[in-house]
Amino acid sequence: MKALVVYGSRYGTAAEIAREIADVIENEGNEVDLKDVRAIKKFDVSPYDLIVVGSGIKMGKWTKGSLKFLKDNKSQLANKKVALFVSCGAANEEKSRDEGWENYLKKVATENLEREPVELGLFGSVYDPNAKHGLMYKLTNRFYKKELEKQGIDTTKRHDYRDWDEIRAWANNLAHS
């Protein structure tokens, strides 16, 4: 099988997940190309059997590049196995996971694909108080920071909420789909 893993990442979290997915699929004996969506202008997806598209979520939205990739290739993706994943704060807390599935995966799949994806992956994010963020993030982070502090989490330190075993298992399923 030949696979393409395309990702959009603002702070590197989704990029790291995409690299791990690509490595797992490749280690299972498949040929894999890994592409940052920012490096793609027009891309021929025809040689690929499986296309994995991922994005980080910021302020409730996919990266523009990942969405553009889905829209630009919508008709070609109709004849391919497609999987979608996101890295977002909604995956960090059990109470927010349903919302994440609906808004960031199912809705995006419905609006941008002609058929259902073979897999959807909702993966955690990284809380990093030292990362450079825009004004909107800084404003909303005040609320998020208070919520973390209520849970007894030290908000002066970086916290990685990604479950790497879950990500590897998800990628392994794709490698054998």
N, C-alpha and C. Protein backbone atom coordinates (compact mmCIF):
# COMPACT_ATOMS: atom_id res chain seq x y z
N MET A 1 0.84 -1.17 0.00
CA MET A 1 0.00 0.00 0.00
C MET A 1 0.90 1.24 0.00
N LYS A 2 0.43 2.26 -0.68
CA LYS A 2 1.12 3.55 -0.70
C LYS A 2 0.24 4.56 0.02
N ALA A 3 0.81 5.23 1.03
CA ALA A 3 0.03 6.16 1.84
C ALA A 3 0.63 7.56 1.80
N LEU A 4 -0.26 8.52 1.94
CA LEU A 4 0.12 9.93 2.04
C LEU A 4 -0.42 10.45 3.37
N VAL A 5 0.45 11.06 4.15
CA VAL A 5 0.04 11.70 5.40
C VAL A 5 0.29 13.20 5.22
N VAL A 6 -0.79 13.97 5.25
CA VAL A 6 -0.74 15.42 5.07
C VAL A 6 -1.22 16.06 6.36
N TYR A 7 -0.53 17.11 6.80
CA TYR A 7 -0.93 17.73 8.05
C TYR A 7 -0.78 19.25 7.99
N GLY A 8 -1.58 19.90 8.80
CA GLY A 8 -1.44 21.32 9.05
C GLY A 8 -1.22 21.50 10.54
N SER A 9 -0.20 22.26 10.89
CA SER A 9 0.15 22.41 12.30
C SER A 9 0.60 23.83 12.55
N ARG A 10 0.12 24.40 13.62
CA ARG A 10 0.50 25.77 13.97
C ARG A 10 1.69 25.80 14.93
N TYR A 11 1.69 24.91 15.89
CA TYR A 11 2.72 24.92 16.93
C TYR A 11 3.53 23.62 16.98
N GLY A 12 3.29 22.71 16.04
CA GLY A 12 4.08 21.49 15.95
C GLY A 12 3.45 20.25 16.53
N THR A 13 2.36 20.38 17.27
CA THR A 13 1.74 19.22 17.91
C THR A 13 1.18 18.26 16.86
N ALA A 14 0.41 18.76 15.92
CA ALA A 14 -0.16 17.90 14.87
C ALA A 14 0.95 17.35 13.97
N ALA A 15 1.99 18.13 13.76
CA ALA A 15 3.12 17.66 12.94
C ALA A 15 3.78 16.44 13.58
N GLU A 16 3.98 16.48 14.90
CA GLU A 16 4.58 15.35 15.60
C GLU A 16 3.69 14.11 15.51
N ILE A 17 2.40 14.31 15.62
CA ILE A 17 1.46 13.19 15.50
C ILE A 17 1.52 12.62 14.08
N ALA A 18 1.52 13.49 13.09
CA ALA A 18 1.59 13.04 11.69
C ALA A 18 2.85 12.23 11.43
N ARG A 19 3.97 12.68 11.98
CA ARG A 19 5.23 11.93 11.81
C ARG A 19 5.14 10.55 12.43
N GLU A 20 4.52 10.46 13.59
CA GLU A 20 4.38 9.16 14.25
C GLU A 20 3.46 8.24 13.44
N ILE A 21 2.37 8.79 12.94
CA ILE A 21 1.45 8.01 12.10
C ILE A 21 2.19 7.49 10.87
N ALA A 22 2.93 8.36 10.21
CA ALA A 22 3.68 7.95 9.01
C ALA A 22 4.70 6.87 9.35
N ASP A 23 5.40 7.02 10.47
CA ASP A 23 6.40 6.01 10.87
C ASP A 23 5.75 4.66 11.13
N VAL A 24 4.62 4.65 11.82
CA VAL A 24 3.94 3.38 12.12
C VAL A 24 3.49 2.70 10.83
N ILE A 25 2.87 3.46 9.94
CA ILE A 25 2.39 2.88 8.68
C ILE A 25 3.57 2.35 7.87
N GLU A 26 4.66 3.10 7.83
CA GLU A 26 5.85 2.67 7.10
C GLU A 26 6.49 1.43 7.73
N ASN A 27 6.55 1.40 9.06
CA ASN A 27 7.14 0.25 9.75
C ASN A 27 6.34 -1.03 9.55
N GLU A 28 5.11 -0.90 9.10
CA GLU A 28 4.28 -2.07 8.79
C GLU A 28 4.46 -2.51 7.34
N GLY A 29 5.47 -1.97 6.66
CA GLY A 29 5.82 -2.42 5.32
C GLY A 29 5.18 -1.64 4.19
N ASN A 30 4.66 -0.46 4.49
CA ASN A 30 4.01 0.35 3.46
C ASN A 30 4.90 1.52 3.06
N GLU A 31 4.69 2.00 1.85
CA GLU A 31 5.40 3.19 1.38
C GLU A 31 4.60 4.41 1.83
N VAL A 32 5.28 5.39 2.43
CA VAL A 32 4.59 6.55 2.99
C VAL A 32 5.30 7.85 2.59
N ASP A 33 4.50 8.82 2.19
CA ASP A 33 4.99 10.18 1.98
C ASP A 33 4.34 11.06 3.04
N LEU A 34 5.15 11.88 3.70
CA LEU A 34 4.68 12.79 4.74
C LEU A 34 4.84 14.21 4.22
N LYS A 35 3.75 14.99 4.24
CA LYS A 35 3.79 16.35 3.68
C LYS A 35 3.15 17.36 4.62
N ASP A 36 3.88 18.45 4.85
CA ASP A 36 3.32 19.61 5.53
C ASP A 36 2.48 20.33 4.48
N VAL A 37 1.23 20.58 4.79
CA VAL A 37 0.31 21.16 3.81
C VAL A 37 0.80 22.52 3.31
N ARG A 38 1.59 23.20 4.11
CA ARG A 38 2.13 24.50 3.68
C ARG A 38 3.10 24.37 2.52
N ALA A 39 3.65 23.18 2.31
CA ALA A 39 4.61 22.95 1.23
C ALA A 39 3.93 22.44 -0.04
N ILE A 40 2.61 22.31 -0.01
CA ILE A 40 1.87 21.76 -1.14
C ILE A 40 1.10 22.87 -1.85
N LYS A 41 1.30 22.98 -3.14
CA LYS A 41 0.47 23.89 -3.94
C LYS A 41 -0.63 23.06 -4.58
N LYS A 42 -0.28 22.34 -5.61
CA LYS A 42 -1.19 21.37 -6.22
C LYS A 42 -0.53 20.02 -6.03
N PHE A 43 -1.33 19.03 -5.69
CA PHE A 43 -0.74 17.74 -5.37
C PHE A 43 -1.59 16.64 -5.98
N ASP A 44 -0.93 15.71 -6.64
CA ASP A 44 -1.61 14.59 -7.28
C ASP A 44 -1.74 13.45 -6.27
N VAL A 45 -2.98 13.17 -5.85
CA VAL A 45 -3.20 12.11 -4.87
C VAL A 45 -3.45 10.75 -5.54
N SER A 46 -3.47 10.74 -6.88
CA SER A 46 -3.83 9.49 -7.58
C SER A 46 -2.93 8.30 -7.27
N PRO A 47 -1.63 8.46 -6.99
CA PRO A 47 -0.81 7.27 -6.72
C PRO A 47 -1.05 6.62 -5.36
N TYR A 48 -1.84 7.24 -4.51
CA TYR A 48 -1.98 6.78 -3.14
C TYR A 48 -3.24 5.95 -2.92
N ASP A 49 -3.09 4.91 -2.10
CA ASP A 49 -4.22 4.06 -1.70
C ASP A 49 -4.91 4.62 -0.46
N LEU A 50 -4.11 5.21 0.43
CA LEU A 50 -4.60 5.75 1.69
C LEU A 50 -4.10 7.18 1.83
N ILE A 51 -5.00 8.06 2.21
CA ILE A 51 -4.63 9.45 2.45
C ILE A 51 -5.11 9.84 3.84
N VAL A 52 -4.16 10.23 4.68
CA VAL A 52 -4.44 10.66 6.04
C VAL A 52 -4.25 12.17 6.09
N VAL A 53 -5.29 12.88 6.52
CA VAL A 53 -5.22 14.34 6.60
C VAL A 53 -5.48 14.75 8.04
N GLY A 54 -4.57 15.56 8.57
CA GLY A 54 -4.70 15.98 9.95
C GLY A 54 -4.49 17.45 10.14
N SER A 55 -4.92 17.91 11.31
CA SER A 55 -4.80 19.33 11.62
C SER A 55 -4.77 19.53 13.12
N GLY A 56 -4.09 20.58 13.51
CA GLY A 56 -4.24 21.08 14.86
C GLY A 56 -5.51 21.93 14.88
N ILE A 57 -6.07 22.08 16.05
CA ILE A 57 -7.27 22.92 16.20
C ILE A 57 -6.87 24.14 17.02
N LYS A 58 -7.21 25.31 16.50
CA LYS A 58 -6.97 26.54 17.23
C LYS A 58 -8.24 27.38 17.12
N MET A 59 -8.73 27.81 18.27
CA MET A 59 -9.95 28.61 18.31
C MET A 59 -11.09 27.90 17.58
N GLY A 60 -11.14 26.58 17.73
CA GLY A 60 -12.23 25.78 17.17
C GLY A 60 -12.15 25.53 15.68
N LYS A 61 -10.99 25.74 15.07
CA LYS A 61 -10.89 25.59 13.61
C LYS A 61 -9.69 24.76 13.19
N TRP A 62 -9.89 24.04 12.08
CA TRP A 62 -8.79 23.36 11.40
C TRP A 62 -7.86 24.41 10.81
N THR A 63 -6.65 24.01 10.47
CA THR A 63 -5.77 24.91 9.74
C THR A 63 -6.36 25.13 8.35
N LYS A 64 -6.18 26.32 7.82
CA LYS A 64 -6.71 26.64 6.49
C LYS A 64 -6.15 25.71 5.42
N GLY A 65 -4.87 25.40 5.53
CA GLY A 65 -4.23 24.55 4.52
C GLY A 65 -4.79 23.15 4.46
N SER A 66 -5.06 22.56 5.62
CA SER A 66 -5.62 21.20 5.64
C SER A 66 -7.02 21.18 5.04
N LEU A 67 -7.83 22.18 5.38
CA LEU A 67 -9.18 22.26 4.79
C LEU A 67 -9.11 22.49 3.30
N LYS A 68 -8.19 23.34 2.87
CA LYS A 68 -8.03 23.60 1.43
C LYS A 68 -7.62 22.32 0.70
N PHE A 69 -6.72 21.55 1.31
CA PHE A 69 -6.31 20.28 0.70
C PHE A 69 -7.52 19.36 0.50
N LEU A 70 -8.36 19.26 1.52
CA LEU A 70 -9.56 18.42 1.41
C LEU A 70 -10.49 18.93 0.30
N LYS A 71 -10.72 20.23 0.27
CA LYS A 71 -11.62 20.81 -0.74
C LYS A 71 -11.05 20.68 -2.15
N ASP A 72 -9.77 20.97 -2.31
CA ASP A 72 -9.14 20.90 -3.63
C ASP A 72 -9.12 19.49 -4.20
N ASN A 73 -9.10 18.49 -3.33
CA ASN A 73 -8.99 17.10 -3.78
C ASN A 73 -10.26 16.29 -3.53
N LYS A 74 -11.36 16.95 -3.25
CA LYS A 74 -12.59 16.28 -2.85
C LYS A 74 -13.01 15.17 -3.83
N SER A 75 -13.01 15.46 -5.10
CA SER A 75 -13.47 14.45 -6.08
C SER A 75 -12.51 13.28 -6.16
N GLN A 76 -11.21 13.54 -6.09
CA GLN A 76 -10.23 12.45 -6.14
C GLN A 76 -10.25 11.61 -4.86
N LEU A 77 -10.53 12.24 -3.74
CA LEU A 77 -10.57 11.52 -2.47
C LEU A 77 -11.78 10.59 -2.37
N ALA A 78 -12.78 10.83 -3.20
CA ALA A 78 -13.98 9.99 -3.19
C ALA A 78 -13.66 8.54 -3.53
N ASN A 79 -12.57 8.32 -4.24
CA ASN A 79 -12.19 6.96 -4.65
C ASN A 79 -11.02 6.40 -3.85
N LYS A 80 -10.72 7.05 -2.72
CA LYS A 80 -9.58 6.65 -1.90
C LYS A 80 -10.03 6.32 -0.48
N LYS A 81 -9.17 5.56 0.21
CA LYS A 81 -9.36 5.40 1.65
C LYS A 81 -8.81 6.66 2.29
N VAL A 82 -9.65 7.34 3.06
CA VAL A 82 -9.25 8.59 3.70
C VAL A 82 -9.46 8.48 5.20
N ALA A 83 -8.51 8.98 5.95
CA ALA A 83 -8.62 9.06 7.40
C ALA A 83 -8.33 10.50 7.81
N LEU A 84 -9.03 10.95 8.83
CA LEU A 84 -8.84 12.30 9.35
C LEU A 84 -8.45 12.24 10.81
N PHE A 85 -7.57 13.16 11.22
CA PHE A 85 -7.25 13.27 12.64
C PHE A 85 -7.07 14.72 13.02
N VAL A 86 -7.29 15.00 14.29
CA VAL A 86 -7.02 16.32 14.84
C VAL A 86 -6.32 16.18 16.18
N SER A 87 -5.58 17.22 16.50
CA SER A 87 -4.98 17.37 17.81
C SER A 87 -5.62 18.59 18.42
N CYS A 88 -6.32 18.38 19.55
CA CYS A 88 -7.05 19.51 20.12
C CYS A 88 -7.28 19.34 21.62
N GLY A 89 -7.55 20.46 22.25
CA GLY A 89 -7.82 20.47 23.69
C GLY A 89 -9.07 19.70 24.05
N ALA A 90 -10.03 19.57 23.12
CA ALA A 90 -11.26 18.83 23.41
C ALA A 90 -10.97 17.37 23.74
N ALA A 91 -9.87 16.86 23.23
CA ALA A 91 -9.51 15.47 23.52
C ALA A 91 -8.87 15.32 24.89
N ASN A 92 -8.47 16.42 25.49
CA ASN A 92 -7.78 16.36 26.78
C ASN A 92 -8.71 16.00 27.93
N GLU A 93 -9.99 16.33 27.78
CA GLU A 93 -10.95 16.08 28.85
C GLU A 93 -12.11 15.24 28.33
N GLU A 94 -12.46 14.24 29.08
CA GLU A 94 -13.53 13.32 28.68
C GLU A 94 -14.83 14.05 28.38
N LYS A 95 -15.17 15.06 29.16
CA LYS A 95 -16.43 15.77 28.99
C LYS A 95 -16.50 16.55 27.67
N SER A 96 -15.36 16.83 27.05
CA SER A 96 -15.33 17.59 25.80
C SER A 96 -15.14 16.72 24.56
N ARG A 97 -14.90 15.44 24.74
CA ARG A 97 -14.57 14.57 23.60
C ARG A 97 -15.71 14.48 22.58
N ASP A 98 -16.95 14.36 23.04
CA ASP A 98 -18.08 14.26 22.10
C ASP A 98 -18.17 15.50 21.22
N GLU A 99 -17.97 16.64 21.84
CA GLU A 99 -17.99 17.90 21.09
C GLU A 99 -16.86 17.91 20.04
N GLY A 100 -15.70 17.45 20.44
CA GLY A 100 -14.57 17.36 19.51
C GLY A 100 -14.86 16.46 18.33
N TRP A 101 -15.43 15.28 18.61
CA TRP A 101 -15.78 14.36 17.53
C TRP A 101 -16.76 15.00 16.55
N GLU A 102 -17.79 15.63 17.09
CA GLU A 102 -18.82 16.23 16.24
C GLU A 102 -18.29 17.41 15.43
N ASN A 103 -17.66 18.35 16.10
CA ASN A 103 -17.26 19.61 15.45
C ASN A 103 -16.00 19.51 14.61
N TYR A 104 -15.04 18.74 15.05
CA TYR A 104 -13.75 18.75 14.38
C TYR A 104 -13.51 17.57 13.45
N LEU A 105 -14.31 16.52 13.59
CA LEU A 105 -14.12 15.36 12.73
C LEU A 105 -15.35 15.06 11.88
N LYS A 106 -16.47 14.75 12.51
CA LYS A 106 -17.66 14.38 11.73
C LYS A 106 -18.14 15.52 10.84
N LYS A 107 -18.19 16.72 11.38
CA LYS A 107 -18.64 17.87 10.60
C LYS A 107 -17.69 18.14 9.42
N VAL A 108 -16.41 18.13 9.67
CA VAL A 108 -15.42 18.38 8.62
C VAL A 108 -15.50 17.28 7.56
N ALA A 109 -15.67 16.03 7.98
CA ALA A 109 -15.79 14.94 7.02
C ALA A 109 -17.04 15.12 6.15
N THR A 110 -18.15 15.44 6.78
CA THR A 110 -19.41 15.63 6.04
C THR A 110 -19.30 16.76 5.04
N GLU A 111 -18.68 17.85 5.43
CA GLU A 111 -18.60 19.03 4.57
C GLU A 111 -17.54 18.92 3.48
N ASN A 112 -16.53 18.07 3.67
CA ASN A 112 -15.39 18.09 2.75
C ASN A 112 -15.08 16.78 2.05
N LEU A 113 -15.82 15.72 2.38
CA LEU A 113 -15.60 14.43 1.72
C LEU A 113 -16.90 13.93 1.13
N GLU A 114 -16.79 13.19 0.04
CA GLU A 114 -17.99 12.64 -0.58
C GLU A 114 -18.44 11.33 0.05
N ARG A 115 -17.53 10.70 0.79
CA ARG A 115 -17.91 9.48 1.51
C ARG A 115 -17.22 9.46 2.86
N GLU A 116 -17.69 8.57 3.71
CA GLU A 116 -17.17 8.52 5.08
C GLU A 116 -15.71 8.09 5.10
N PRO A 117 -14.94 8.70 5.99
CA PRO A 117 -13.54 8.28 6.13
C PRO A 117 -13.46 6.88 6.74
N VAL A 118 -12.35 6.20 6.49
CA VAL A 118 -12.16 4.86 7.06
C VAL A 118 -11.86 4.94 8.54
N GLU A 119 -11.28 6.05 8.99
CA GLU A 119 -10.97 6.24 10.41
C GLU A 119 -11.01 7.73 10.74
N LEU A 120 -11.36 8.01 11.99
CA LEU A 120 -11.29 9.35 12.54
C LEU A 120 -10.47 9.27 13.83
N GLY A 121 -9.58 10.22 14.02
CA GLY A 121 -8.74 10.21 15.21
C GLY A 121 -8.78 11.54 15.94
N LEU A 122 -9.19 11.50 17.20
CA LEU A 122 -9.23 12.69 18.05
C LEU A 122 -8.15 12.52 19.11
N PHE A 123 -7.08 13.29 18.96
CA PHE A 123 -5.92 13.14 19.83
C PHE A 123 -5.68 14.41 20.65
N GLY A 124 -5.11 14.22 21.81
CA GLY A 124 -4.86 15.33 22.72
C GLY A 124 -3.88 16.34 22.17
N SER A 125 -3.73 17.40 22.93
CA SER A 125 -2.86 18.49 22.53
C SER A 125 -1.76 18.69 23.56
N VAL A 126 -1.07 19.76 23.41
CA VAL A 126 -0.01 20.13 24.35
C VAL A 126 -0.35 21.50 24.91
N TYR A 127 -0.31 21.62 26.22
CA TYR A 127 -0.44 22.92 26.86
C TYR A 127 0.97 23.42 27.15
N ASP A 128 1.34 24.52 26.53
CA ASP A 128 2.68 25.05 26.71
C ASP A 128 2.59 26.55 26.98
N PRO A 129 2.75 26.95 28.24
CA PRO A 129 2.60 28.37 28.57
C PRO A 129 3.69 29.25 27.97
N ASN A 130 4.76 28.64 27.49
CA ASN A 130 5.88 29.41 26.93
C ASN A 130 5.84 29.52 25.40
N ALA A 131 4.90 28.83 24.76
CA ALA A 131 4.80 28.91 23.31
C ALA A 131 4.28 30.29 22.90
N LYS A 132 4.67 30.74 21.73
CA LYS A 132 4.21 32.03 21.23
C LYS A 132 2.83 31.86 20.61
N HIS A 133 1.87 32.62 21.12
CA HIS A 133 0.49 32.55 20.66
C HIS A 133 0.00 33.96 20.36
N GLY A 134 -1.08 34.01 19.59
CA GLY A 134 -1.69 35.29 19.26
C GLY A 134 -2.56 35.83 20.38
N LEU A 135 -3.09 37.02 20.17
CA LEU A 135 -3.90 37.71 21.16
C LEU A 135 -5.14 36.92 21.57
N MET A 136 -5.87 36.35 20.58
CA MET A 136 -7.09 35.60 20.91
C MET A 136 -6.78 34.42 21.81
N TYR A 137 -5.69 33.73 21.56
CA TYR A 137 -5.31 32.61 22.40
C TYR A 137 -5.03 33.10 23.82
N LYS A 138 -4.30 34.20 23.92
CA LYS A 138 -3.95 34.72 25.24
C LYS A 138 -5.20 35.09 26.03
N LEU A 139 -6.20 35.64 25.35
CA LEU A 139 -7.44 36.00 26.04
C LEU A 139 -8.21 34.77 26.51
N THR A 140 -8.34 33.78 25.65
CA THR A 140 -9.08 32.57 26.03
C THR A 140 -8.28 31.70 26.98
N ASN A 141 -6.97 31.81 26.93
CA ASN A 141 -6.13 31.00 27.80
C ASN A 141 -6.34 31.34 29.27
N ARG A 142 -6.75 32.54 29.55
CA ARG A 142 -7.03 32.90 30.95
C ARG A 142 -8.08 31.97 31.54
N PHE A 143 -9.14 31.72 30.78
CA PHE A 143 -10.20 30.82 31.24
C PHE A 143 -9.66 29.40 31.36
N TYR A 144 -8.96 28.94 30.33
CA TYR A 144 -8.43 27.58 30.32
C TYR A 144 -7.44 27.38 31.46
N LYS A 145 -6.61 28.37 31.70
CA LYS A 145 -5.62 28.29 32.77
C LYS A 145 -6.31 28.13 34.12
N LYS A 146 -7.38 28.86 34.34
CA LYS A 146 -8.13 28.75 35.61
C LYS A 146 -8.71 27.35 35.77
N GLU A 147 -9.22 26.78 34.69
CA GLU A 147 -9.77 25.43 34.73
C GLU A 147 -8.69 24.41 35.09
N LEU A 148 -7.51 24.56 34.50
CA LEU A 148 -6.41 23.66 34.80
C LEU A 148 -5.98 23.79 36.26
N GLU A 149 -5.93 25.01 36.73
CA GLU A 149 -5.53 25.23 38.13
C GLU A 149 -6.53 24.61 39.09
N LYS A 150 -7.84 24.65 38.75
CA LYS A 150 -8.86 24.00 39.58
C LYS A 150 -8.62 22.50 39.67
N GLN A 151 -8.03 21.92 38.63
CA GLN A 151 -7.74 20.49 38.60
C GLN A 151 -6.41 20.17 39.28
N GLY A 152 -5.74 21.20 39.80
CA GLY A 152 -4.47 20.98 40.48
C GLY A 152 -3.29 20.86 39.54
N ILE A 153 -3.43 21.35 38.31
CA ILE A 153 -2.37 21.26 37.32
C ILE A 153 -1.51 22.52 37.38
N ASP A 154 -0.21 22.35 37.39
CA ASP A 154 0.73 23.47 37.41
C ASP A 154 0.76 24.10 36.02
N THR A 155 0.19 25.29 35.88
CA THR A 155 0.07 25.95 34.58
C THR A 155 1.33 26.70 34.17
N THR A 156 2.37 26.59 34.97
CA THR A 156 3.64 27.20 34.58
C THR A 156 4.50 26.21 33.80
N LYS A 157 4.04 24.96 33.73
CA LYS A 157 4.81 23.91 33.05
C LYS A 157 4.08 23.40 31.82
N ARG A 158 4.84 22.85 30.89
CA ARG A 158 4.31 22.24 29.68
C ARG A 158 3.67 20.90 30.04
N HIS A 159 2.48 20.62 29.46
CA HIS A 159 1.80 19.34 29.67
C HIS A 159 1.42 18.75 28.32
N ASP A 160 1.83 17.52 28.08
CA ASP A 160 1.53 16.83 26.83
C ASP A 160 0.38 15.86 27.10
N TYR A 161 -0.77 16.11 26.48
CA TYR A 161 -1.96 15.30 26.68
C TYR A 161 -2.14 14.23 25.60
N ARG A 162 -1.17 14.10 24.72
CA ARG A 162 -1.29 13.10 23.66
C ARG A 162 -1.04 11.70 24.22
N ASP A 163 -1.87 10.75 23.80
CA ASP A 163 -1.70 9.36 24.20
C ASP A 163 -1.02 8.66 23.02
N TRP A 164 0.30 8.52 23.12
CA TRP A 164 1.08 7.97 22.01
C TRP A 164 0.71 6.53 21.70
N ASP A 165 0.34 5.74 22.70
CA ASP A 165 -0.09 4.36 22.43
C ASP A 165 -1.38 4.36 21.62
N GLU A 166 -2.30 5.26 21.94
CA GLU A 166 -3.55 5.38 21.18
C GLU A 166 -3.27 5.80 19.74
N ILE A 167 -2.37 6.74 19.56
CA ILE A 167 -2.01 7.22 18.22
C ILE A 167 -1.38 6.09 17.41
N ARG A 168 -0.47 5.35 18.02
CA ARG A 168 0.19 4.24 17.32
C ARG A 168 -0.80 3.13 16.96
N ALA A 169 -1.72 2.83 17.86
CA ALA A 169 -2.74 1.80 17.57
C ALA A 169 -3.63 2.25 16.42
N TRP A 170 -4.01 3.51 16.41
CA TRP A 170 -4.84 4.06 15.34
C TRP A 170 -4.11 3.95 14.01
N ALA A 171 -2.84 4.34 14.00
CA ALA A 171 -2.04 4.26 12.77
C ALA A 171 -1.83 2.81 12.33
N ASN A 172 -1.67 1.92 13.29
CA ASN A 172 -1.50 0.51 12.95
C ASN A 172 -2.75 -0.04 12.28
N ASN A 173 -3.92 0.37 12.75
CA ASN A 173 -5.17 -0.03 12.09
C ASN A 173 -5.20 0.46 10.66
N LEU A 174 -4.75 1.68 10.45
CA LEU A 174 -4.71 2.22 9.09
C LEU A 174 -3.76 1.43 8.20
N ALA A 175 -2.63 1.04 8.76
CA ALA A 175 -1.62 0.30 8.00
C ALA A 175 -2.17 -1.02 7.49
N HIS A 176 -3.17 -1.55 8.17
CA HIS A 176 -3.74 -2.85 7.81
C HIS A 176 -5.14 -2.75 7.22
N SER A 177 -5.55 -1.52 6.88
CA SER A 177 -6.91 -1.35 6.33
C SER A 177 -6.98 -1.65 4.85
